Amino acid sequence: MWKLRTLLLLALTLCVWSAAVPAQLAEQQDEMDYMHPELKRTQRSFRSNKAEQRNEYWLQASRQHILQKLQQVRNTNRAKNIILFLGDGMGLATLAAARSYMGGEELQLSFEQFPHTGLSKTYCVDKMVPDSASTSTSYLCGVKANYGTIGVNAHIQRGDCVAMANASNHVYSVGKWALDAGKAAGLVTTTRVTHASPSGVYAHTADREWENDARLNEACGAAAQPLNDIALQLIHGEVGSRLKVMLGGGKRNFFDPEHDSKGQRTDGRDLPAEFEQLAAGNVYVKKRNQLQSIKANETNRLLGLFSKSHMHYHLEQLADEKNTEPTLAEMTQKALELLQSEQQGYFLFVEGGKIDISHHDTMARIALDETVELSKAVALARQLTSEQDTLIVVTSDHSHTFSLGGYQARGSDVFSPAKSNASDGKSYLPISYANGKSFEEYYNMTLHERVEPKEFPGAGDAYQVFPATAPLESETHGGEDVAVFASGPWAHLFSGVYEQNAIPHMMAFAACVGAGQTACDQSASNDAFA
């Protein structure tokens, strides 16, 4: 009897199990379909490279990667020169999309070929998601600060005029550390030279907006009397007055209208003229052909201001037959020509600043093109210098809410609607932003439905904006970690995940500058920074 009961129990268990397993599998399949849908395609999909369909293709690529890693030798030479490239707003999603913009997901930006890679944490002292001012203090001066402040510590809140006057709250950049060690220093940017990122090289200010005396006086009133605006600090400041080369935009902050109709100063000054009068051989240029004619052996210091505000986007420069602005690569090349004559070496800061500005306007096509322009400048710098004595670091100050999503076929145009429809029957774009002013461009507030992207009038235009989920006047930064790429002496220090403010200390260590432990100390090999 007990055997019969046992058999019946086993049969019942098997029935329940056999019924449950398909149900569980179906549930798992439903979850897979929900999480990773194979969306219905409305067009034929692109097929990948046939070589990629063979196992050997991927196995060989992996073997080659391992071989390259095994062949790497730690470069522990003293870094005579340091070049810091900054892609402002260049998050990881921007890098991935830029590869597609270049022609394929499998391609690499020049700096992605560097042997050492890390991630830096970008938050600032008072905010989870930082701005370009607080981050410039971090990756240039080595301490984290408050949002909107530059070259000062966290004792200073944004807009605190009185605290700004206290020099004990000022912090100094790796550019100054290099100058104090007998090296030369310079900066290159596609933004205003007084903008947040480049200002971190030389300025101390409680507010990034105080680029000229008019803005400073408006904010501080009588308290502005002992303070210097950012442009004035570039020409006459402790660090700015020692920089050998300064190239970018922002003429408006250096002139009173009586000297230049577009000037915004109110103190009657012509700062470029004052710069040229400081020493023989100081040269001010404002056009591309003037920059190209500069000879290093005839130039003491160089100031180049090529636009009223930020320089134009690269795509705009290409489209303008009357363009008088140099490219980022051209400015980088000229800066290196001047700095390479320095026997003790140099520090150079180079910013591709308009990646950030185009992202704020949700103009992804321009942002990706600006990223590729930065890649060209990095490739040129690596070509013109030696890995044996020149440390090149490439990073970003912060990310953006930019994303690349969906399940598009390989080789798809990232700017065009996906070859499938969303659940509302309309197409969608692989590129989008979590917020920004383009919200109403893609959402009909009257009908409460999405606008069909295929019918968007700006599609295919360089100025095309991309969808934003939340309506904001300007798209915001993102708070995730950003990549760091390094090549040259002590580049291996830049591996891992670390605070953003560690970056200048690692550069200083490699170049034996600054007040901290350096590679030149006898104990550096084992217990540096212990």
Protein backbone atom coordinates (compact mmCIF):
# COMPACT_ATOMS: atom_id res chain seq x y z
CA MET A 1 0.00 0.00 0.00
CA TRP A 2 2.78 2.41 0.93
CA LYS A 3 4.45 1.67 -2.42
CA LEU A 4 1.28 2.64 -4.24
CA ARG A 5 1.03 5.84 -2.25
CA THR A 6 4.66 6.63 -3.02
CA LEU A 7 4.14 6.05 -6.72
CA LEU A 8 1.03 8.23 -6.73
CA LEU A 9 2.92 10.98 -4.88
CA LEU A 10 5.79 10.82 -7.36
CA ALA A 11 3.38 10.94 -10.29
CA LEU A 12 1.61 13.95 -8.79
CA THR A 13 4.95 15.71 -8.20
CA LEU A 14 6.00 15.07 -11.78
CA CYS A 15 2.72 16.45 -13.07
CA VAL A 16 3.08 19.59 -10.96
CA TRP A 17 6.75 19.96 -11.97
CA SER A 18 6.02 19.38 -15.66
CA ALA A 19 3.30 22.01 -15.52
CA ALA A 20 5.41 24.43 -13.49
CA VAL A 21 8.55 24.25 -15.61
CA PRO A 22 6.91 25.48 -18.83
CA ALA A 23 5.19 28.17 -16.81
CA GLN A 24 8.52 29.25 -15.30
CA LEU A 25 10.21 29.14 -18.67
CA ALA A 26 7.39 31.14 -20.19
CA GLU A 27 7.67 33.66 -17.37
CA GLN A 28 11.42 33.92 -17.91
CA GLN A 29 10.89 34.31 -21.64
CA ASP A 30 8.32 37.03 -21.02
CA GLU A 31 10.85 38.81 -18.82
CA MET A 32 13.52 38.47 -21.50
CA ASP A 33 11.13 39.78 -24.14
CA TYR A 34 10.30 42.71 -21.89
CA MET A 35 13.88 43.53 -20.94
CA HIS A 36 15.49 42.85 -24.32
CA PRO A 37 12.78 43.05 -26.98
CA GLU A 38 13.42 42.04 -30.56
CA LEU A 39 11.52 45.00 -31.93
CA LYS A 40 9.59 44.57 -35.14
CA ARG A 41 11.67 45.95 -37.97
CA THR A 42 10.20 48.10 -40.69
CA GLN A 43 13.33 47.97 -42.84
CA ARG A 44 16.02 45.41 -43.64
CA SER A 45 18.75 45.42 -41.02
CA PHE A 46 22.44 45.97 -41.67
CA ARG A 47 24.64 42.88 -41.61
CA SER A 48 27.94 43.01 -39.73
CA ASN A 49 31.35 42.30 -41.20
CA LYS A 50 31.42 38.66 -42.34
CA ALA A 51 34.77 38.18 -40.63
CA GLU A 52 33.07 38.84 -37.29
CA GLN A 53 30.91 35.76 -37.81
CA ARG A 54 33.95 33.51 -37.40
CA ASN A 55 35.21 32.49 -33.97
CA GLU A 56 38.80 33.03 -35.04
CA TYR A 57 38.20 36.74 -35.62
CA TRP A 58 37.36 37.33 -31.96
CA LEU A 59 39.88 34.83 -30.62
CA GLN A 60 42.69 36.47 -32.56
CA ALA A 61 41.63 39.93 -31.40
CA SER A 62 41.68 38.75 -27.79
CA ARG A 63 45.09 37.14 -28.19
CA GLN A 64 46.43 40.36 -29.68
CA HIS A 65 45.04 42.37 -26.77
CA ILE A 66 46.68 40.08 -24.22
CA LEU A 67 49.97 40.19 -26.13
CA GLN A 68 49.94 43.97 -26.11
CA LYS A 69 49.32 43.98 -22.36
CA LEU A 70 52.15 41.53 -21.74
CA GLN A 71 54.54 43.62 -23.81
CA GLN A 72 53.83 46.78 -21.82
CA VAL A 73 56.75 48.01 -19.77
CA ARG A 74 56.15 50.47 -16.99
CA ASN A 75 57.66 53.79 -17.97
CA THR A 76 59.18 55.28 -14.82
CA ASN A 77 61.11 58.07 -16.50
CA ARG A 78 60.74 61.56 -15.15
CA ALA A 79 58.10 63.37 -17.20
CA LYS A 80 59.76 66.44 -18.67
CA ASN A 81 56.46 67.54 -20.19
CA ILE A 82 52.79 67.15 -19.25
CA ILE A 83 49.84 67.65 -21.58
CA LEU A 84 46.35 67.45 -20.10
CA PHE A 85 43.54 67.15 -22.65
CA LEU A 86 40.01 67.78 -21.43
CA GLY A 87 36.89 66.83 -23.35
CA ASP A 88 34.37 69.01 -21.53
CA GLY A 89 31.22 66.95 -20.98
CA MET A 90 32.73 63.93 -22.72
CA GLY A 91 31.04 61.04 -20.93
CA LEU A 92 31.29 57.36 -21.79
CA ALA A 93 28.13 57.41 -23.92
CA THR A 94 29.62 60.26 -25.94
CA LEU A 95 32.73 58.20 -26.61
CA ALA A 96 30.67 55.22 -27.78
CA ALA A 97 28.49 57.34 -30.07
CA ALA A 98 31.55 59.16 -31.44
CA ARG A 99 32.92 55.85 -32.70
CA SER A 100 29.74 55.32 -34.68
CA TYR A 101 29.99 58.88 -35.96
CA MET A 102 33.53 58.10 -37.13
CA GLY A 103 32.26 55.15 -39.13
CA GLY A 104 31.81 52.11 -36.90
CA GLU A 105 31.34 50.85 -33.37
CA GLU A 106 34.56 48.86 -33.65
CA LEU A 107 36.71 51.95 -34.27
CA GLN A 108 38.79 53.75 -31.65
CA LEU A 109 39.37 57.37 -30.84
CA SER A 110 43.09 58.15 -30.76
CA PHE A 111 43.34 58.25 -26.98
CA GLU A 112 41.41 54.99 -26.56
CA GLN A 113 44.60 53.35 -27.81
CA PHE A 114 46.55 54.65 -24.81
CA PRO A 115 47.88 51.82 -22.63
CA HIS A 116 46.40 52.88 -19.31
CA THR A 117 42.80 53.73 -18.47
CA GLY A 118 40.92 54.63 -15.31
CA LEU A 119 37.75 56.26 -14.03
CA SER A 120 37.48 59.43 -11.97
CA LYS A 121 34.65 60.36 -9.61
CA THR A 122 33.43 63.84 -10.48
CA TYR A 123 31.12 65.02 -7.68
CA CYS A 124 32.04 68.30 -5.99
CA VAL A 125 31.90 69.26 -2.30
CA ASP A 126 28.33 70.56 -2.27
CA LYS A 127 26.65 68.84 -5.23
CA MET A 128 26.21 65.30 -6.50
CA VAL A 129 26.55 66.47 -10.10
CA PRO A 130 29.28 69.10 -10.61
CA ASP A 131 29.87 71.98 -13.00
CA SER A 132 32.98 72.79 -15.03
CA ALA A 133 34.22 75.32 -12.47
CA SER A 134 34.39 73.07 -9.43
CA THR A 135 35.80 70.24 -11.52
CA SER A 136 38.57 72.43 -12.96
CA THR A 137 39.64 73.13 -9.39
CA SER A 138 39.63 69.38 -8.81
CA TYR A 139 41.59 68.07 -11.82
CA LEU A 140 43.95 71.07 -11.96
CA CYS A 141 44.44 72.17 -8.34
CA GLY A 142 44.07 68.86 -6.57
CA VAL A 143 41.27 69.70 -4.13
CA LYS A 144 37.52 69.48 -4.48
CA ALA A 145 35.53 72.70 -4.16
CA ASN A 146 32.01 74.07 -4.28
CA TYR A 147 29.87 74.34 -7.38
CA GLY A 148 30.57 77.47 -9.44
CA THR A 149 33.90 78.35 -7.81
CA ILE A 150 37.37 78.19 -9.38
CA GLY A 151 40.81 77.98 -7.79
CA VAL A 152 39.51 78.30 -4.24
CA ASN A 153 38.81 75.74 -1.53
CA ALA A 154 35.46 74.68 -0.11
CA HIS A 155 35.53 77.38 2.57
CA ILE A 156 34.29 79.69 -0.18
CA GLN A 157 30.68 79.43 -1.25
CA ARG A 158 29.69 80.59 -4.70
CA GLY A 159 29.36 84.38 -4.85
CA ASP A 160 31.15 85.08 -1.55
CA CYS A 161 33.02 88.27 -2.45
CA VAL A 162 34.53 88.81 0.99
CA ALA A 163 35.90 85.28 1.41
CA MET A 164 37.37 85.42 -2.11
CA ALA A 165 39.67 88.24 -0.99
CA ASN A 166 41.28 85.96 1.60
CA ALA A 167 44.30 84.46 -0.17
CA SER A 168 44.48 81.62 2.36
CA ASN A 169 41.42 80.19 0.62
CA HIS A 170 43.16 80.13 -2.77
CA VAL A 171 44.50 76.91 -4.25
CA TYR A 172 46.97 76.64 -7.12
CA SER A 173 47.08 74.52 -10.24
CA VAL A 174 49.58 72.01 -11.54
CA GLY A 175 50.34 74.74 -14.09
CA LYS A 176 51.75 76.91 -11.31
CA TRP A 177 53.58 73.94 -9.81
CA ALA A 178 55.26 73.47 -13.19
CA LEU A 179 56.12 77.17 -13.47
CA ASP A 180 57.62 77.17 -9.98
CA ALA A 181 59.80 74.23 -11.02
CA GLY A 182 61.21 76.20 -13.94
CA LYS A 183 58.96 74.81 -16.63
CA ALA A 184 56.78 76.77 -19.06
CA ALA A 185 52.99 76.54 -19.13
CA GLY A 186 50.14 77.33 -21.47
CA LEU A 187 46.52 76.73 -22.31
CA VAL A 188 44.40 76.10 -25.40
CA THR A 189 40.60 76.00 -25.57
CA THR A 190 37.72 76.28 -28.01
CA THR A 191 35.72 78.20 -25.40
CA ARG A 192 36.49 81.62 -23.95
CA VAL A 193 39.92 81.57 -22.34
CA THR A 194 38.18 82.96 -19.25
CA HIS A 195 35.61 80.16 -19.18
CA ALA A 196 35.38 77.71 -16.29
CA SER A 197 37.77 74.98 -17.45
CA PRO A 198 40.80 77.00 -18.63
CA SER A 199 40.40 79.45 -15.72
CA GLY A 200 41.37 76.66 -13.36
CA VAL A 201 44.94 76.96 -14.66
CA TYR A 202 45.40 80.51 -13.39
CA ALA A 203 42.38 82.08 -11.64
CA HIS A 204 40.90 82.31 -8.15
CA THR A 205 37.25 83.36 -8.08
CA ALA A 206 34.15 82.79 -6.00
CA ASP A 207 32.01 82.80 -9.13
CA ARG A 208 32.77 81.52 -12.61
CA GLU A 209 30.60 84.29 -14.10
CA TRP A 210 33.02 87.04 -13.04
CA GLU A 211 34.92 86.92 -16.34
CA ASN A 212 35.15 90.73 -16.63
CA ASP A 213 35.02 93.71 -14.30
CA ALA A 214 31.42 94.56 -15.18
CA ARG A 215 30.14 91.19 -13.97
CA LEU A 216 32.32 91.33 -10.85
CA ASN A 217 31.21 94.84 -9.90
CA GLU A 218 27.57 94.02 -10.52
CA ALA A 219 27.75 91.09 -8.12
CA CYS A 220 30.01 92.48 -5.39
CA GLY A 221 29.52 96.23 -5.43
CA ALA A 222 31.96 97.95 -3.06
CA ALA A 223 33.36 94.56 -2.04
CA ALA A 224 34.76 94.17 -5.57
CA GLN A 225 37.41 96.85 -4.99
CA PRO A 226 40.25 94.49 -3.91
CA LEU A 227 39.23 91.72 -6.32
CA ASN A 228 40.33 90.95 -9.87
CA ASP A 229 38.07 89.56 -12.57
CA ILE A 230 39.14 86.43 -14.45
CA ALA A 231 40.36 88.20 -17.61
CA LEU A 232 42.48 90.58 -15.55
CA GLN A 233 43.98 87.62 -13.69
CA LEU A 234 44.98 86.04 -17.00
CA ILE A 235 46.94 89.11 -18.07
CA HIS A 236 48.28 90.40 -14.75
CA GLY A 237 47.71 87.61 -12.22
CA GLU A 238 50.36 85.63 -10.38
CA VAL A 239 50.01 82.65 -12.73
CA GLY A 240 48.41 84.19 -15.82
CA SER A 241 51.22 86.70 -16.26
CA ARG A 242 53.70 83.81 -16.52
CA LEU A 243 51.86 81.66 -19.08
CA LYS A 244 53.74 81.39 -22.36
CA VAL A 245 50.79 80.64 -24.63
CA MET A 246 47.04 81.32 -24.28
CA LEU A 247 44.78 80.48 -27.22
CA GLY A 248 40.99 80.44 -27.50
CA GLY A 249 37.98 82.72 -27.67
CA GLY A 250 36.45 85.44 -25.52
CA LYS A 251 37.69 88.83 -26.77
CA ARG A 252 34.70 90.58 -25.21
CA ASN A 253 36.10 90.17 -21.69
CA PHE A 254 39.38 91.91 -22.53
CA PHE A 255 38.17 95.19 -24.02
CA ASP A 256 36.21 98.23 -23.00
CA PRO A 257 33.77 99.24 -25.79
CA GLU A 258 35.94 102.28 -26.51
CA HIS A 259 38.63 99.89 -27.77
CA ASP A 260 36.34 97.24 -29.26
CA SER A 261 32.63 97.78 -29.90
CA LYS A 262 31.86 94.27 -28.66
CA GLY A 263 33.86 94.68 -25.47
CA GLN A 264 32.10 94.26 -22.13
CA ARG A 265 34.61 95.81 -19.74
CA THR A 266 33.72 99.08 -18.03
CA ASP A 267 37.17 100.11 -16.79
CA GLY A 268 38.43 101.62 -20.06
CA ARG A 269 41.13 98.99 -20.44
CA ASP A 270 42.54 97.21 -23.48
CA LEU A 271 44.07 94.11 -21.92
CA PRO A 272 45.63 92.64 -25.11
CA ALA A 273 47.46 95.95 -25.64
CA GLU A 274 48.64 95.83 -22.03
CA PHE A 275 49.82 92.26 -22.61
CA GLU A 276 51.96 93.29 -25.58
CA GLN A 277 53.44 96.15 -23.56
CA LEU A 278 54.51 93.89 -20.70
CA ALA A 279 57.58 92.62 -22.55
CA ALA A 280 59.26 92.66 -25.93
CA GLY A 281 58.20 89.68 -27.99
CA ASN A 282 54.74 89.41 -26.48
CA VAL A 283 52.36 88.93 -29.42
CA TYR A 284 48.57 89.19 -29.66
CA VAL A 285 46.83 87.52 -32.62
CA LYS A 286 43.16 87.26 -33.53
CA LYS A 287 43.08 85.35 -36.82
CA ARG A 288 44.12 81.91 -38.04
CA ASN A 289 46.63 83.21 -40.59
CA GLN A 290 48.27 85.38 -37.92
CA LEU A 291 48.61 82.35 -35.65
CA GLN A 292 50.15 80.25 -38.41
CA SER A 293 52.74 82.94 -39.15
CA ILE A 294 54.03 83.00 -35.56
CA LYS A 295 57.65 81.85 -35.24
CA ALA A 296 58.69 80.31 -31.95
CA ASN A 297 62.19 81.83 -31.97
CA GLU A 298 60.74 85.32 -32.39
CA THR A 299 57.98 85.07 -29.79
CA ASN A 300 58.27 85.56 -26.05
CA ARG A 301 54.64 84.94 -25.10
CA LEU A 302 51.54 84.48 -27.25
CA LEU A 303 47.92 85.52 -26.67
CA GLY A 304 45.37 84.47 -29.28
CA LEU A 305 41.71 85.49 -29.04
CA PHE A 306 39.86 84.36 -32.15
CA SER A 307 36.22 85.17 -31.40
CA LYS A 308 34.00 87.48 -29.37
CA SER A 309 32.77 84.66 -27.15
CA HIS A 310 33.31 80.93 -27.60
CA MET A 311 34.89 79.85 -30.85
CA HIS A 312 32.60 78.45 -33.52
CA TYR A 313 31.86 74.76 -33.82
CA HIS A 314 34.18 72.87 -36.15
CA LEU A 315 31.27 72.13 -38.52
CA GLU A 316 30.53 75.86 -38.67
CA GLN A 317 34.15 76.61 -39.45
CA LEU A 318 34.04 74.13 -42.33
CA ALA A 319 30.87 75.67 -43.73
CA ASP A 320 32.13 79.27 -43.55
CA GLU A 321 34.27 80.25 -46.53
CA LYS A 322 35.36 83.35 -44.61
CA ASN A 323 36.33 81.45 -41.47
CA THR A 324 39.28 83.05 -39.65
CA GLU A 325 39.43 80.70 -36.67
CA PRO A 326 42.01 77.91 -36.24
CA THR A 327 40.99 74.37 -35.35
CA LEU A 328 41.76 72.80 -31.99
CA ALA A 329 44.54 70.74 -33.59
CA GLU A 330 46.07 73.84 -35.19
CA MET A 331 46.11 75.71 -31.89
CA THR A 332 47.60 72.67 -30.15
CA GLN A 333 50.34 72.40 -32.75
CA LYS A 334 51.31 76.07 -32.44
CA ALA A 335 51.28 75.88 -28.65
CA LEU A 336 53.63 72.91 -28.77
CA GLU A 337 55.94 74.72 -31.20
CA LEU A 338 56.38 77.50 -28.67
CA LEU A 339 56.61 75.29 -25.59
CA GLN A 340 59.03 72.74 -27.02
CA SER A 341 61.75 75.37 -27.09
CA GLU A 342 61.72 75.37 -23.28
CA GLN A 343 64.73 73.45 -21.94
CA GLN A 344 63.07 72.51 -18.64
CA GLY A 345 59.87 71.27 -20.24
CA TYR A 346 56.29 72.44 -19.97
CA PHE A 347 52.70 71.91 -18.85
CA LEU A 348 49.97 72.40 -21.45
CA PHE A 349 46.22 72.32 -20.88
CA VAL A 350 44.08 71.69 -23.98
CA GLU A 351 40.28 71.77 -23.87
CA GLY A 352 37.73 70.63 -26.41
CA GLY A 353 35.16 72.78 -24.69
CA LYS A 354 32.31 72.78 -27.14
CA ILE A 355 31.42 69.13 -26.64
CA ASP A 356 29.76 70.39 -23.48
CA ILE A 357 28.08 73.42 -25.01
CA SER A 358 26.47 71.43 -27.82
CA HIS A 359 25.25 68.79 -25.37
CA HIS A 360 23.57 71.52 -23.31
CA ASP A 361 21.59 72.37 -26.45
CA THR A 362 20.93 68.65 -27.17
CA MET A 363 22.78 69.01 -30.49
CA ALA A 364 24.35 65.57 -30.47
CA ARG A 365 25.74 65.62 -34.00
CA ILE A 366 27.89 68.64 -33.18
CA ALA A 367 28.94 67.17 -29.81
CA LEU A 368 30.22 64.02 -31.50
CA ASP A 369 32.05 66.00 -34.17
CA GLU A 370 33.74 68.09 -31.47
CA THR A 371 34.76 64.84 -29.76
CA VAL A 372 36.42 63.65 -32.96
CA GLU A 373 38.21 67.01 -33.22
CA LEU A 374 39.63 66.47 -29.74
CA SER A 375 40.78 63.02 -30.83
CA LYS A 376 42.64 64.60 -33.76
CA ALA A 377 44.39 67.07 -31.46
CA VAL A 378 45.46 64.27 -29.11
CA ALA A 379 46.80 62.20 -32.00
CA LEU A 380 48.81 65.17 -33.23
CA ALA A 381 50.25 65.85 -29.78
CA ARG A 382 51.28 62.22 -29.34
CA GLN A 383 52.90 62.32 -32.78
CA LEU A 384 54.84 65.52 -32.00
CA THR A 385 56.11 64.32 -28.62
CA SER A 386 57.90 61.29 -27.21
CA GLU A 387 56.31 58.76 -24.88
CA GLN A 388 59.68 58.58 -23.14
CA ASP A 389 59.50 62.08 -21.66
CA THR A 390 55.97 63.42 -22.25
CA LEU A 391 52.99 62.33 -20.18
CA ILE A 392 49.67 62.85 -21.97
CA VAL A 393 46.45 62.51 -19.98
CA VAL A 394 43.00 62.69 -21.57
CA THR A 395 39.87 62.98 -19.46
CA SER A 396 36.59 64.81 -18.95
CA ASP A 397 35.31 67.03 -16.19
CA HIS A 398 31.83 65.49 -16.10
CA SER A 399 29.30 63.67 -18.22
CA HIS A 400 25.89 64.67 -19.64
CA THR A 401 22.45 63.05 -19.62
CA PHE A 402 23.13 61.96 -23.20
CA SER A 403 22.37 58.32 -23.97
CA LEU A 404 22.63 55.86 -26.84
CA GLY A 405 19.90 53.23 -26.60
CA GLY A 406 17.64 50.77 -28.34
CA TYR A 407 18.69 47.64 -30.18
CA GLN A 408 19.72 49.06 -33.53
CA ALA A 409 21.57 46.96 -36.07
CA ARG A 410 25.31 47.38 -36.42
CA GLY A 411 26.22 50.18 -38.77
CA SER A 412 22.98 52.07 -38.21
CA ASP A 413 22.98 55.84 -38.46
CA VAL A 414 22.81 56.96 -34.83
CA PHE A 415 21.18 60.24 -35.86
CA SER A 416 18.31 58.68 -37.81
CA PRO A 417 15.14 56.99 -36.50
CA ALA A 418 15.58 53.37 -35.52
CA LYS A 419 14.48 50.75 -38.04
CA SER A 420 11.65 49.73 -35.74
CA ASN A 421 8.75 51.42 -34.00
CA ALA A 422 8.03 52.03 -30.34
CA SER A 423 4.84 50.80 -28.64
CA ASP A 424 2.95 53.94 -29.69
CA GLY A 425 3.49 53.08 -33.34
CA LYS A 426 5.94 55.91 -33.93
CA SER A 427 9.62 55.60 -34.63
CA TYR A 428 12.21 56.67 -32.10
CA LEU A 429 15.77 57.96 -32.13
CA PRO A 430 18.71 55.98 -30.70
CA ILE A 431 20.08 59.21 -29.22
CA SER A 432 18.23 61.05 -26.47
CA TYR A 433 18.73 63.12 -23.33
CA ALA A 434 17.17 62.79 -19.89
CA ASN A 435 16.34 66.50 -19.90
CA GLY A 436 16.74 69.63 -21.99
CA LYS A 437 14.98 72.34 -23.94
CA SER A 438 14.15 70.05 -26.87
CA PHE A 439 11.32 68.36 -24.93
CA GLU A 440 8.53 70.15 -26.80
CA GLU A 441 10.23 69.55 -30.14
CA TYR A 442 9.38 65.88 -29.79
CA TYR A 443 6.22 65.97 -27.65
CA ASN A 444 2.93 67.59 -28.63
CA MET A 445 1.61 69.20 -25.45
CA THR A 446 -1.86 69.71 -26.97
CA LEU A 447 -2.39 66.16 -28.18
CA HIS A 448 -0.33 64.63 -25.36
CA GLU A 449 1.61 62.40 -27.69
CA ARG A 450 5.06 62.10 -29.16
CA VAL A 451 5.95 63.79 -32.40
CA GLU A 452 6.96 61.38 -35.15
CA PRO A 453 10.77 61.79 -35.42
CA LYS A 454 10.64 61.06 -39.14
CA GLU A 455 8.57 64.22 -39.56
CA PHE A 456 10.91 66.42 -37.53
CA PRO A 457 11.91 69.38 -39.74
CA GLY A 458 15.52 69.59 -38.52
CA ALA A 459 16.43 65.97 -39.21
CA GLY A 460 19.82 65.64 -40.85
CA ASP A 461 20.85 69.21 -40.03
CA ALA A 462 24.01 69.88 -38.04
CA TYR A 463 21.90 71.84 -35.56
CA GLN A 464 19.34 69.06 -35.14
CA VAL A 465 18.25 68.71 -31.53
CA PHE A 466 17.45 65.33 -30.04
CA PRO A 467 14.65 64.25 -27.68
CA ALA A 468 14.68 65.22 -24.02
CA THR A 469 12.51 63.51 -21.42
CA ALA A 470 12.11 66.38 -18.95
CA PRO A 471 11.66 69.99 -20.13
CA LEU A 472 14.51 72.19 -18.91
CA GLU A 473 15.89 75.41 -20.37
CA SER A 474 19.31 73.76 -20.69
CA GLU A 475 20.24 70.08 -20.59
CA THR A 476 22.20 69.20 -17.46
CA HIS A 477 25.42 67.43 -16.67
CA GLY A 478 25.51 63.79 -15.64
CA GLY A 479 26.95 62.50 -12.39
CA GLU A 480 28.59 59.22 -13.38
CA ASP A 481 32.33 58.61 -13.43
CA VAL A 482 34.32 59.68 -16.48
CA ALA A 483 37.20 57.97 -18.24
CA VAL A 484 40.88 58.84 -17.89
CA PHE A 485 43.40 57.77 -20.54
CA ALA A 486 47.17 58.07 -20.06
CA SER A 487 50.32 57.55 -22.10
CA GLY A 488 53.95 58.26 -21.20
CA PRO A 489 55.96 58.38 -17.96
CA TRP A 490 54.10 56.96 -14.97
CA ALA A 491 50.92 56.55 -17.01
CA HIS A 492 50.19 53.35 -15.08
CA LEU A 493 49.31 55.49 -12.05
CA PHE A 494 46.09 56.48 -13.80
CA SER A 495 44.59 52.96 -13.70
CA GLY A 496 41.70 52.20 -11.36
CA VAL A 497 38.87 54.25 -9.92
CA TYR A 498 39.78 57.36 -7.95
CA GLU A 499 38.69 60.83 -6.94
CA GLN A 500 39.05 63.40 -9.70
CA ASN A 501 41.29 65.59 -7.56
CA ALA A 502 43.98 62.86 -7.62
CA ILE A 503 44.72 63.62 -11.29
CA PRO A 504 47.02 66.67 -10.84
CA HIS A 505 48.87 64.97 -8.01
CA MET A 506 49.65 61.99 -10.23
CA MET A 507 50.83 64.32 -13.01
CA ALA A 508 52.97 66.24 -10.52
CA PHE A 509 54.41 62.98 -9.19
CA ALA A 510 55.49 61.98 -12.70
CA ALA A 511 57.03 65.38 -13.48
CA CYS A 512 58.64 65.96 -10.06
CA VAL A 513 56.82 69.24 -9.48
CA GLY A 514 54.70 70.49 -6.61
CA ALA A 515 55.06 70.08 -2.88
CA GLY A 516 54.03 66.42 -2.62
CA GLN A 517 55.88 63.15 -3.00
CA THR A 518 57.37 62.75 -6.48
CA ALA A 519 59.05 60.16 -8.65
CA CYS A 520 62.35 61.90 -7.99
CA ASP A 521 62.25 61.09 -4.30
CA GLN A 522 64.37 58.09 -3.33
CA SER A 523 61.44 56.42 -1.60
CA ALA A 524 59.08 56.85 -4.55
CA SER A 525 59.50 53.35 -5.91
CA ASN A 526 57.66 51.59 -3.08
CA ASP A 527 56.02 53.80 -0.49
CA ALA A 528 55.08 56.98 -2.31
CA PHE A 529 52.36 58.93 -0.51
CA ALA A 530 52.59 56.55 2.47
